[in-house]
PDB file of N, CA and C in Angstrom:
ATOM      1  N   MET A   1      89.867  44.303  65.372  1.00  0.00           N
ATOM      2  CA  MET A   1      90.797  44.674  66.407  1.00  0.00           C
ATOM      3  C   MET A   1      90.184  45.714  67.338  1.00  0.00           C
ATOM      4  N   MET A   2      89.492  46.681  66.751  1.00  0.00           N
ATOM      5  CA  MET A   2      88.889  47.722  67.587  1.00  0.00           C
ATOM      6  C   MET A   2      87.832  47.130  68.511  1.00  0.00           C
ATOM      7  N   ASN A   3      87.056  46.205  68.017  1.00  0.00           N
ATOM      8  CA  ASN A   3      85.994  45.612  68.823  1.00  0.00           C
ATOM      9  C   ASN A   3      86.555  44.833  70.018  1.00  0.00           C
ATOM     10  N   ASN A   4      87.760  44.292  69.870  1.00  0.00           N
ATOM     11  CA  ASN A   4      88.393  43.534  70.947  1.00  0.00           C
ATOM     12  C   ASN A   4      89.221  44.412  71.879  1.00  0.00           C
ATOM     13  N   SER A   5      89.218  45.708  71.659  1.00  0.00           N
ATOM     14  CA  SER A   5      89.977  46.650  72.486  1.00  0.00           C
ATOM     15  C   SER A   5      89.091  47.249  73.564  1.00  0.00           C
ATOM     16  N   ASN A   6      89.723  47.724  74.633  1.00  0.00           N
ATOM     17  CA  ASN A   6      88.992  48.444  75.676  1.00  0.00           C
ATOM     18  C   ASN A   6      88.898  49.926  75.362  1.00  0.00           C
ATOM     19  N   ILE A   7      89.980  50.478  74.873  1.00  0.00           N
ATOM     20  CA  ILE A   7      90.024  51.885  74.487  1.00  0.00           C
ATOM     21  C   ILE A   7      90.813  51.989  73.184  1.00  0.00           C
ATOM     22  N   ILE A   8      90.621  53.105  72.507  1.00  0.00           N
ATOM     23  CA  ILE A   8      91.308  53.338  71.240  1.00  0.00           C
ATOM     24  C   ILE A   8      92.152  54.598  71.387  1.00  0.00           C
ATOM     25  N   LEU A   9      93.430  54.490  71.085  1.00  0.00           N
ATOM     26  CA  LEU A   9      94.324  55.634  71.018  1.00  0.00           C
ATOM     27  C   LEU A   9      94.667  55.824  69.554  1.00  0.00           C
ATOM     28  N   THR A  10      94.399  57.012  69.013  1.00  0.00           N
ATOM     29  CA  THR A  10      94.579  57.200  67.574  1.00  0.00           C
ATOM     30  C   THR A  10      94.840  58.655  67.223  1.00  0.00           C
ATOM     31  N   ASP A  11      95.427  58.853  66.055  1.00  0.00           N
ATOM     32  CA  ASP A  11      95.482  60.187  65.467  1.00  0.00           C
ATOM     33  C   ASP A  11      94.690  60.194  64.159  1.00  0.00           C
ATOM     34  N   SER A  12      94.004  59.107  63.874  1.00  0.00           N
ATOM     35  CA  SER A  12      93.227  58.955  62.642  1.00  0.00           C
ATOM     36  C   SER A  12      91.829  59.536  62.791  1.00  0.00           C
ATOM     37  N   GLY A  13      91.452  60.400  61.876  1.00  0.00           N
ATOM     38  CA  GLY A  13      90.107  60.973  61.890  1.00  0.00           C
ATOM     39  C   GLY A  13      89.026  59.933  61.690  1.00  0.00           C
ATOM     40  N   GLY A  14      89.255  58.987  60.792  1.00  0.00           N
ATOM     41  CA  GLY A  14      88.259  57.946  60.536  1.00  0.00           C
ATOM     42  C   GLY A  14      88.019  57.080  61.760  1.00  0.00           C
ATOM     43  N   ILE A  15      89.074  56.740  62.469  1.00  0.00           N
ATOM     44  CA  ILE A  15      88.946  55.921  63.673  1.00  0.00           C
ATOM     45  C   ILE A  15      88.178  56.692  64.749  1.00  0.00           C
ATOM     46  N   GLN A  16      88.369  58.001  64.821  1.00  0.00           N
ATOM     47  CA  GLN A  16      87.628  58.818  65.787  1.00  0.00           C
ATOM     48  C   GLN A  16      86.126  58.696  65.556  1.00  0.00           C
ATOM     49  N   GLU A  17      85.729  58.510  64.310  1.00  0.00           N
ATOM     50  CA  GLU A  17      84.314  58.375  63.987  1.00  0.00           C
ATOM     51  C   GLU A  17      83.810  56.949  64.176  1.00  0.00           C
ATOM     52  N   GLU A  18      84.650  55.954  63.918  1.00  0.00           N
ATOM     53  CA  GLU A  18      84.227  54.555  63.970  1.00  0.00           C
ATOM     54  C   GLU A  18      84.165  53.991  65.381  1.00  0.00           C
ATOM     55  N   ALA A  19      85.117  54.305  66.213  1.00  0.00           N
ATOM     56  CA  ALA A  19      85.212  53.703  67.551  1.00  0.00           C
ATOM     57  C   ALA A  19      83.970  53.925  68.418  1.00  0.00           C
ATOM     58  N   PRO A  20      83.344  55.100  68.403  1.00  0.00           N
ATOM     59  CA  PRO A  20      82.151  55.275  69.239  1.00  0.00           C
ATOM     60  C   PRO A  20      81.000  54.340  68.867  1.00  0.00           C
ATOM     61  N   SER A  21      80.935  53.905  67.626  1.00  0.00           N
ATOM     62  CA  SER A  21      79.893  52.945  67.228  1.00  0.00           C
ATOM     63  C   SER A  21      80.077  51.614  67.931  1.00  0.00           C
ATOM     64  N   LEU A  22      81.294  51.343  68.370  1.00  0.00           N
ATOM     65  CA  LEU A  22      81.596  50.105  69.077  1.00  0.00           C
ATOM     66  C   LEU A  22      81.580  50.298  70.592  1.00  0.00           C
ATOM     67  N   GLY A  23      81.269  51.516  71.030  1.00  0.00           N
ATOM     68  CA  GLY A  23      81.255  51.798  72.464  1.00  0.00           C
ATOM     69  C   GLY A  23      82.648  51.880  73.061  1.00  0.00           C
ATOM     70  N   LYS A  24      83.619  52.276  72.266  1.00  0.00           N
ATOM     71  CA  LYS A  24      84.998  52.356  72.721  1.00  0.00           C
ATOM     72  C   LYS A  24      85.402  53.809  72.941  1.00  0.00           C
ATOM     73  N   PRO A  25      85.874  54.154  74.134  1.00  0.00           N
ATOM     74  CA  PRO A  25      86.399  55.504  74.345  1.00  0.00           C
ATOM     75  C   PRO A  25      87.603  55.747  73.439  1.00  0.00           C
ATOM     76  N   VAL A  26      87.717  56.974  72.956  1.00  0.00           N
ATOM     77  CA  VAL A  26      88.785  57.325  72.033  1.00  0.00           C
ATOM     78  C   VAL A  26      89.667  58.402  72.652  1.00  0.00           C
ATOM     79  N   LEU A  27      90.960  58.133  72.696  1.00  0.00           N
ATOM     80  CA  LEU A  27      91.928  59.156  73.070  1.00  0.00           C
ATOM     81  C   LEU A  27      92.581  59.620  71.776  1.00  0.00           C
ATOM     82  N   VAL A  28      92.416  60.902  71.477  1.00  0.00           N
ATOM     83  CA  VAL A  28      92.913  61.466  70.227  1.00  0.00           C
ATOM     84  C   VAL A  28      94.301  62.034  70.466  1.00  0.00           C
ATOM     85  N   LEU A  29      95.289  61.444  69.819  1.00  0.00           N
ATOM     86  CA  LEU A  29      96.687  61.819  69.990  1.00  0.00           C
ATOM     87  C   LEU A  29      97.056  62.948  69.038  1.00  0.00           C
ATOM     88  N   ARG A  30      96.364  64.061  69.199  1.00  0.00           N
ATOM     89  CA  ARG A  30      96.583  65.272  68.403  1.00  0.00           C
ATOM     90  C   ARG A  30      96.376  66.475  69.312  1.00  0.00           C
ATOM     91  N   GLU A  31      96.924  67.593  68.885  1.00  0.00           N
ATOM     92  CA  GLU A  31      96.700  68.843  69.612  1.00  0.00           C
ATOM     93  C   GLU A  31      95.354  69.459  69.204  1.00  0.00           C
ATOM     94  N   VAL A  32      94.959  69.223  67.954  1.00  0.00           N
ATOM     95  CA  VAL A  32      93.668  69.688  67.436  1.00  0.00           C
ATOM     96  C   VAL A  32      93.064  68.577  66.587  1.00  0.00           C
ATOM     97  N   THR A  33      91.759  68.615  66.426  1.00  0.00           N
ATOM     98  CA  THR A  33      91.086  67.654  65.555  1.00  0.00           C
ATOM     99  C   THR A  33      89.997  68.359  64.775  1.00  0.00           C
ATOM    100  N   GLU A  34      89.792  67.916  63.549  1.00  0.00           N
ATOM    101  CA  GLU A  34      88.698  68.467  62.741  1.00  0.00           C
ATOM    102  C   GLU A  34      87.385  67.777  63.079  1.00  0.00           C
ATOM    103  N   ARG A  35      87.427  66.815  63.973  1.00  0.00           N
ATOM    104  CA  ARG A  35      86.225  66.073  64.364  1.00  0.00           C
ATOM    105  C   ARG A  35      85.858  66.377  65.821  1.00  0.00           C
ATOM    106  N   MET A  36      85.583  67.624  66.082  1.00  0.00           N
ATOM    107  CA  MET A  36      85.258  68.067  67.443  1.00  0.00           C
ATOM    108  C   MET A  36      83.908  67.535  67.923  1.00  0.00           C
ATOM    109  N   GLU A  37      83.087  67.020  67.011  1.00  0.00           N
ATOM    110  CA  GLU A  37      81.789  66.464  67.431  1.00  0.00           C
ATOM    111  C   GLU A  37      81.972  65.368  68.477  1.00  0.00           C
ATOM    112  N   GLY A  38      82.976  64.521  68.290  1.00  0.00           N
ATOM    113  CA  GLY A  38      83.234  63.431  69.233  1.00  0.00           C
ATOM    114  C   GLY A  38      83.702  63.955  70.587  1.00  0.00           C
ATOM    115  N   VAL A  39      84.564  64.952  70.565  1.00  0.00           N
ATOM    116  CA  VAL A  39      85.035  65.566  71.809  1.00  0.00           C
ATOM    117  C   VAL A  39      83.863  66.238  72.519  1.00  0.00           C
ATOM    118  N   ASP A  40      83.075  66.995  71.765  1.00  0.00           N
ATOM    119  CA  ASP A  40      81.918  67.697  72.346  1.00  0.00           C
ATOM    120  C   ASP A  40      80.872  66.720  72.888  1.00  0.00           C
ATOM    121  N   ALA A  41      80.702  65.579  72.228  1.00  0.00           N
ATOM    122  CA  ALA A  41      79.712  64.588  72.656  1.00  0.00           C
ATOM    123  C   ALA A  41      80.217  63.736  73.819  1.00  0.00           C
ATOM    124  N   GLY A  42      81.532  63.748  74.048  1.00  0.00           N
ATOM    125  CA  GLY A  42      82.095  62.967  75.139  1.00  0.00           C
ATOM    126  C   GLY A  42      82.547  61.578  74.751  1.00  0.00           C
ATOM    127  N   THR A  43      82.560  61.262  73.452  1.00  0.00           N
ATOM    128  CA  THR A  43      83.035  59.944  73.023  1.00  0.00           C
ATOM    129  C   THR A  43      84.543  59.920  72.822  1.00  0.00           C
ATOM    130  N   ALA A  44      85.160  61.104  72.748  1.00  0.00           N
ATOM    131  CA  ALA A  44      86.596  61.214  72.517  1.00  0.00           C
ATOM    132  C   ALA A  44      87.196  62.272  73.427  1.00  0.00           C
ATOM    133  N   ILE A  45      88.461  62.080  73.759  1.00  0.00           N
ATOM    134  CA  ILE A  45      89.205  63.037  74.572  1.00  0.00           C
ATOM    135  C   ILE A  45      90.435  63.439  73.789  1.00  0.00           C
ATOM    136  N   LEU A  46      90.603  64.710  73.624  1.00  0.00           N
ATOM    137  CA  LEU A  46      91.756  65.252  72.916  1.00  0.00           C
ATOM    138  C   LEU A  46      92.920  65.312  73.908  1.00  0.00           C
ATOM    139  N   VAL A  47      93.883  64.383  73.788  1.00  0.00           N
ATOM    140  CA  VAL A  47      94.974  64.303  74.756  1.00  0.00           C
ATOM    141  C   VAL A  47      96.289  64.879  74.245  1.00  0.00           C
ATOM    142  N   GLY A  48      96.390  65.148  72.970  1.00  0.00           N
ATOM    143  CA  GLY A  48      97.627  65.695  72.445  1.00  0.00           C
ATOM    144  C   GLY A  48      98.712  64.644  72.313  1.00  0.00           C
ATOM    145  N   SER A  49      99.950  65.085  72.367  1.00  0.00           N
ATOM    146  CA  SER A  49     101.069  64.170  72.145  1.00  0.00           C
ATOM    147  C   SER A  49     102.027  64.089  73.329  1.00  0.00           C
ATOM    148  N   LYS A  50     101.661  64.685  74.444  1.00  0.00           N
ATOM    149  CA  LYS A  50     102.510  64.639  75.638  1.00  0.00           C
ATOM    150  C   LYS A  50     102.300  63.322  76.382  1.00  0.00           C
ATOM    151  N   LYS A  51     103.390  62.618  76.642  1.00  0.00           N
ATOM    152  CA  LYS A  51     103.348  61.303  77.276  1.00  0.00           C
ATOM    153  C   LYS A  51     102.540  61.322  78.577  1.00  0.00           C
ATOM    154  N   GLU A  52     102.745  62.318  79.405  1.00  0.00           N
ATOM    155  CA  GLU A  52     102.091  62.362  80.711  1.00  0.00           C
ATOM    156  C   GLU A  52     100.566  62.384  80.591  1.00  0.00           C
ATOM    157  N   LYS A  53     100.053  63.190  79.682  1.00  0.00           N
ATOM    158  CA  LYS A  53      98.600  63.284  79.500  1.00  0.00           C
ATOM    159  C   LYS A  53      98.041  61.984  78.924  1.00  0.00           C
ATOM    160  N   ILE A  54      98.752  61.393  77.984  1.00  0.00           N
ATOM    161  CA  ILE A  54      98.311  60.134  77.382  1.00  0.00           C
ATOM    162  C   ILE A  54      98.252  59.044  78.453  1.00  0.00           C
ATOM    163  N   VAL A  55      99.294  58.929  79.249  1.00  0.00           N
ATOM    164  CA  VAL A  55      99.349  57.911  80.299  1.00  0.00           C
ATOM    165  C   VAL A  55      98.273  58.164  81.350  1.00  0.00           C
ATOM    166  N   THR A  56      98.091  59.415  81.751  1.00  0.00           N
ATOM    167  CA  THR A  56      97.086  59.750  82.763  1.00  0.00           C
ATOM    168  C   THR A  56      95.685  59.371  82.302  1.00  0.00           C
ATOM    169  N   GLU A  57      95.302  59.773  81.089  1.00  0.00           N
ATOM    170  CA  GLU A  57      93.957  59.483  80.584  1.00  0.00           C
ATOM    171  C   GLU A  57      93.762  57.988  80.332  1.00  0.00           C
ATOM    172  N   THR A  58      94.784  57.322  79.806  1.00  0.00           N
ATOM    173  CA  THR A  58      94.689  55.882  79.574  1.00  0.00           C
ATOM    174  C   THR A  58      94.498  55.151  80.901  1.00  0.00           C
ATOM    175  N   SER A  59      95.308  55.502  81.890  1.00  0.00           N
ATOM    176  CA  SER A  59      95.206  54.867  83.210  1.00  0.00           C
ATOM    177  C   SER A  59      93.843  55.109  83.837  1.00  0.00           C
ATOM    178  N   LYS A  60      93.334  56.328  83.719  1.00  0.00           N
ATOM    179  CA  LYS A  60      92.023  56.644  84.301  1.00  0.00           C
ATOM    180  C   LYS A  60      90.927  55.801  83.655  1.00  0.00           C
ATOM    181  N   LEU A  61      90.976  55.660  82.339  1.00  0.00           N
ATOM    182  CA  LEU A  61      89.979  54.841  81.646  1.00  0.00           C
ATOM    183  C   LEU A  61      90.067  53.369  82.048  1.00  0.00           C
ATOM    184  N   LEU A  62      91.274  52.895  82.293  1.00  0.00           N
ATOM    185  CA  LEU A  62      91.461  51.484  82.634  1.00  0.00           C
ATOM    186  C   LEU A  62      91.179  51.162  84.101  1.00  0.00           C
ATOM    187  N   THR A  63      91.161  52.189  84.957  1.00  0.00           N
ATOM    188  CA  THR A  63      90.988  51.928  86.392  1.00  0.00           C
ATOM    189  C   THR A  63      89.716  52.514  86.988  1.00  0.00           C
ATOM    190  N   ASP A  64      89.106  53.471  86.331  1.00  0.00           N
ATOM    191  CA  ASP A  64      87.906  54.131  86.862  1.00  0.00           C
ATOM    192  C   ASP A  64      86.699  53.704  86.027  1.00  0.00           C
ATOM    193  N   SER A  65      85.971  52.722  86.528  1.00  0.00           N
ATOM    194  CA  SER A  65      84.878  52.141  85.740  1.00  0.00           C
ATOM    195  C   SER A  65      83.757  53.139  85.465  1.00  0.00           C
ATOM    196  N   SER A  66      83.477  54.069  86.368  1.00  0.00           N
ATOM    197  CA  SER A  66      82.410  55.042  86.100  1.00  0.00           C
ATOM    198  C   SER A  66      82.845  56.036  85.017  1.00  0.00           C
ATOM    199  N   TYR A  67      84.105  56.419  85.015  1.00  0.00           N
ATOM    200  CA  TYR A  67      84.636  57.305  83.972  1.00  0.00           C
ATOM    201  C   TYR A  67      84.586  56.590  82.625  1.00  0.00           C
ATOM    202  N   TYR A  68      85.021  55.332  82.601  1.00  0.00           N
ATOM    203  CA  TYR A  68      84.990  54.540  81.375  1.00  0.00           C
ATOM    204  C   TYR A  68      83.560  54.421  80.852  1.00  0.00           C
ATOM    205  N   SER A  69      82.644  54.107  81.745  1.00  0.00           N
ATOM    206  CA  SER A  69      81.244  53.921  81.358  1.00  0.00           C
ATOM    207  C   SER A  69      80.646  55.194  80.772  1.00  0.00           C
ATOM    208  N   LYS A  70      80.952  56.315  81.394  1.00  0.00           N
ATOM    209  CA  LYS A  70      80.432  57.611  80.912  1.00  0.00           C
ATOM    210  C   LYS A  70      80.862  57.856  79.467  1.00  0.00           C
ATOM    211  N   ILE A  71      82.109  57.585  79.148  1.00  0.00           N
ATOM    212  CA  ILE A  71      82.620  57.849  77.806  1.00  0.00           C
ATOM    213  C   ILE A  71      82.155  56.771  76.819  1.00  0.00           C
ATOM    214  N   SER A  72      82.189  55.517  77.238  1.00  0.00           N
ATOM    215  CA  SER A  72      81.818  54.438  76.318  1.00  0.00           C
ATOM    216  C   SER A  72      80.331  54.446  75.985  1.00  0.00           C
ATOM    217  N   LYS A  73      79.515  55.036  76.853  1.00  0.00           N
ATOM    218  CA  LYS A  73      78.072  55.072  76.617  1.00  0.00           C
ATOM    219  C   LYS A  73      77.569  56.427  76.125  1.00  0.00           C
ATOM    220  N   ALA A  74      78.474  57.346  75.858  1.00  0.00           N
ATOM    221  CA  ALA A  74      78.080  58.655  75.327  1.00  0.00           C
ATOM    222  C   ALA A  74      77.442  58.461  73.948  1.00  0.00           C
ATOM    223  N   VAL A  75      76.527  59.324  73.611  1.00  0.00           N
ATOM    224  CA  VAL A  75      75.824  59.231  72.322  1.00  0.00           C
ATOM    225  C   VAL A  75      76.794  59.530  71.187  1.00  0.00           C
ATOM    226  N   ASN A  76      76.848  58.633  70.234  1.00  0.00           N
ATOM    227  CA  ASN A  76      77.734  58.763  69.088  1.00  0.00           C
ATOM    228  C   ASN A  76      77.225  59.867  68.161  1.00  0.00           C
ATOM    229  N   PRO A  77      77.984  60.937  67.993  1.00  0.00           N
ATOM    230  CA  PRO A  77      77.526  62.035  67.133  1.00  0.00           C
ATOM    231  C   PRO A  77      77.621  61.725  65.643  1.00  0.00           C
ATOM    232  N   TYR A  78      78.230  60.600  65.305  1.00  0.00           N
ATOM    233  CA  TYR A  78      78.442  60.253  63.905  1.00  0.00           C
ATOM    234  C   TYR A  78      77.418  59.261  63.372  1.00  0.00           C
ATOM    235  N   GLY A  79      76.441  58.901  64.177  1.00  0.00           N
ATOM    236  CA  GLY A  79      75.402  57.976  63.730  1.00  0.00           C
ATOM    237  C   GLY A  79      75.320  56.755  64.625  1.00  0.00           C
ATOM    238  N   ASP A  80      74.431  55.873  64.279  1.00  0.00           N
ATOM    239  CA  ASP A  80      74.185  54.713  65.131  1.00  0.00           C
ATOM    240  C   ASP A  80      74.823  53.429  64.615  1.00  0.00           C
ATOM    241  N   GLY A  81      75.615  53.511  63.554  1.00  0.00           N
ATOM    242  CA  GLY A  81      76.308  52.337  63.040  1.00  0.00           C
ATOM    243  C   GLY A  81      75.460  51.436  62.152  1.00  0.00           C
ATOM    244  N   THR A  82      74.279  51.892  61.776  1.00  0.00           N
ATOM    245  CA  THR A  82      73.393  51.049  60.971  1.00  0.00           C
ATOM    246  C   THR A  82      73.181  51.594  59.551  1.00  0.00           C
ATOM    247  N   THR A  83      74.027  52.500  59.126  1.00  0.00           N
ATOM    248  CA  THR A  83      73.849  53.128  57.815  1.00  0.00           C
ATOM    249  C   THR A  83      73.852  52.116  56.673  1.00  0.00           C
ATOM    250  N   SER A  84      74.775  51.163  56.693  1.00  0.00           N
ATOM    251  CA  SER A  84      74.837  50.206  55.573  1.00  0.00           C
ATOM    252  C   SER A  84      73.558  49.379  55.487  1.00  0.00           C
ATOM    253  N   GLU A  85      72.974  49.016  56.619  1.00  0.00           N
ATOM    254  CA  GLU A  85      71.713  48.269  56.600  1.00  0.00           C
ATOM    255  C   GLU A  85      70.577  49.129  56.039  1.00  0.00           C
ATOM    256  N   LYS A  86      70.566  50.407  56.397  1.00  0.00           N
ATOM    257  CA  LYS A  86      69.529  51.314  55.885  1.00  0.00           C
ATOM    258  C   LYS A  86      69.671  51.491  54.370  1.00  0.00           C
ATOM    259  N   ILE A  87      70.904  51.634  53.910  1.00  0.00           N
ATOM    260  CA  ILE A  87      71.148  51.777  52.469  1.00  0.00           C
ATOM    261  C   ILE A  87      70.719  50.509  51.738  1.00  0.00           C
ATOM    262  N   LYS A  88      71.076  49.353  52.283  1.00  0.00           N
ATOM    263  CA  LYS A  88      70.677  48.078  51.670  1.00  0.00           C
ATOM    264  C   LYS A  88      69.160  47.988  51.544  1.00  0.00           C
ATOM    265  N   GLU A  89      68.445  48.361  52.601  1.00  0.00           N
ATOM    266  CA  GLU A  89      66.988  48.299  52.595  1.00  0.00           C
ATOM    267  C   GLU A  89      66.395  49.234  51.538  1.00  0.00           C
ATOM    268  N   ILE A  90      66.958  50.423  51.416  1.00  0.00           N
ATOM    269  CA  ILE A  90      66.486  51.381  50.407  1.00  0.00           C
ATOM    270  C   ILE A  90      66.708  50.816  49.004  1.00  0.00           C
ATOM    271  N   ILE A  91      67.890  50.247  48.783  1.00  0.00           N
ATOM    272  CA  ILE A  91      68.189  49.687  47.467  1.00  0.00           C
ATOM    273  C   ILE A  91      67.256  48.528  47.144  1.00  0.00           C
ATOM    274  N   LEU A  92      67.041  47.651  48.115  1.00  0.00           N
ATOM    275  CA  LEU A  92      66.164  46.510  47.883  1.00  0.00           C
ATOM    276  C   LEU A  92      64.707  46.934  47.673  1.00  0.00           C
ATOM    277  N   THR A  93      64.294  47.972  48.355  1.00  0.00           N
ATOM    278  CA  THR A  93      62.921  48.447  48.260  1.00  0.00           C
ATOM    279  C   THR A  93      62.678  49.305  47.018  1.00  0.00           C
ATOM    280  N   HIS A  94      63.636  50.159  46.707  1.00  0.00           N
ATOM    281  CA  HIS A  94      63.443  51.135  45.637  1.00  0.00           C
ATOM    282  C   HIS A  94      64.398  50.956  44.467  1.00  0.00           C
ATOM    283  N   GLY A  95      65.253  49.942  44.543  1.00  0.00           N
ATOM    284  CA  GLY A  95      66.265  49.747  43.507  1.00  0.00           C
ATOM    285  C   GLY A  95      65.658  49.374  42.164  1.00  0.00           C
ATOM    286  N   HIS A  96      66.513  49.396  41.193  1.00  0.00           N
ATOM    287  CA  HIS A  96      66.075  49.105  39.810  1.00  0.00           C
ATOM    288  C   HIS A  96      66.420  47.707  39.418  1.00  0.00           C
TER     289      HIS A  96
END
């Protein structure tokens, strides 16, 4: 579902980490987040719970292609999405 979305609106910490691997901008529906790495890196925007801010940021992402591109192409601070492949390779190479 996330891969077929244009943007992700969430209050889930795990989703805040996963969505940038798919190149999806994240709007965080919280006043604070323990995952500030995404906000600092530009992959997520902390919008809070006020309707006006949520609508404004969502509309901007859907109508301003340069703004969308900047956020969707920001470097993912949580990794490159290839961890499971790296683990598999280590197990196959060094496993018992």
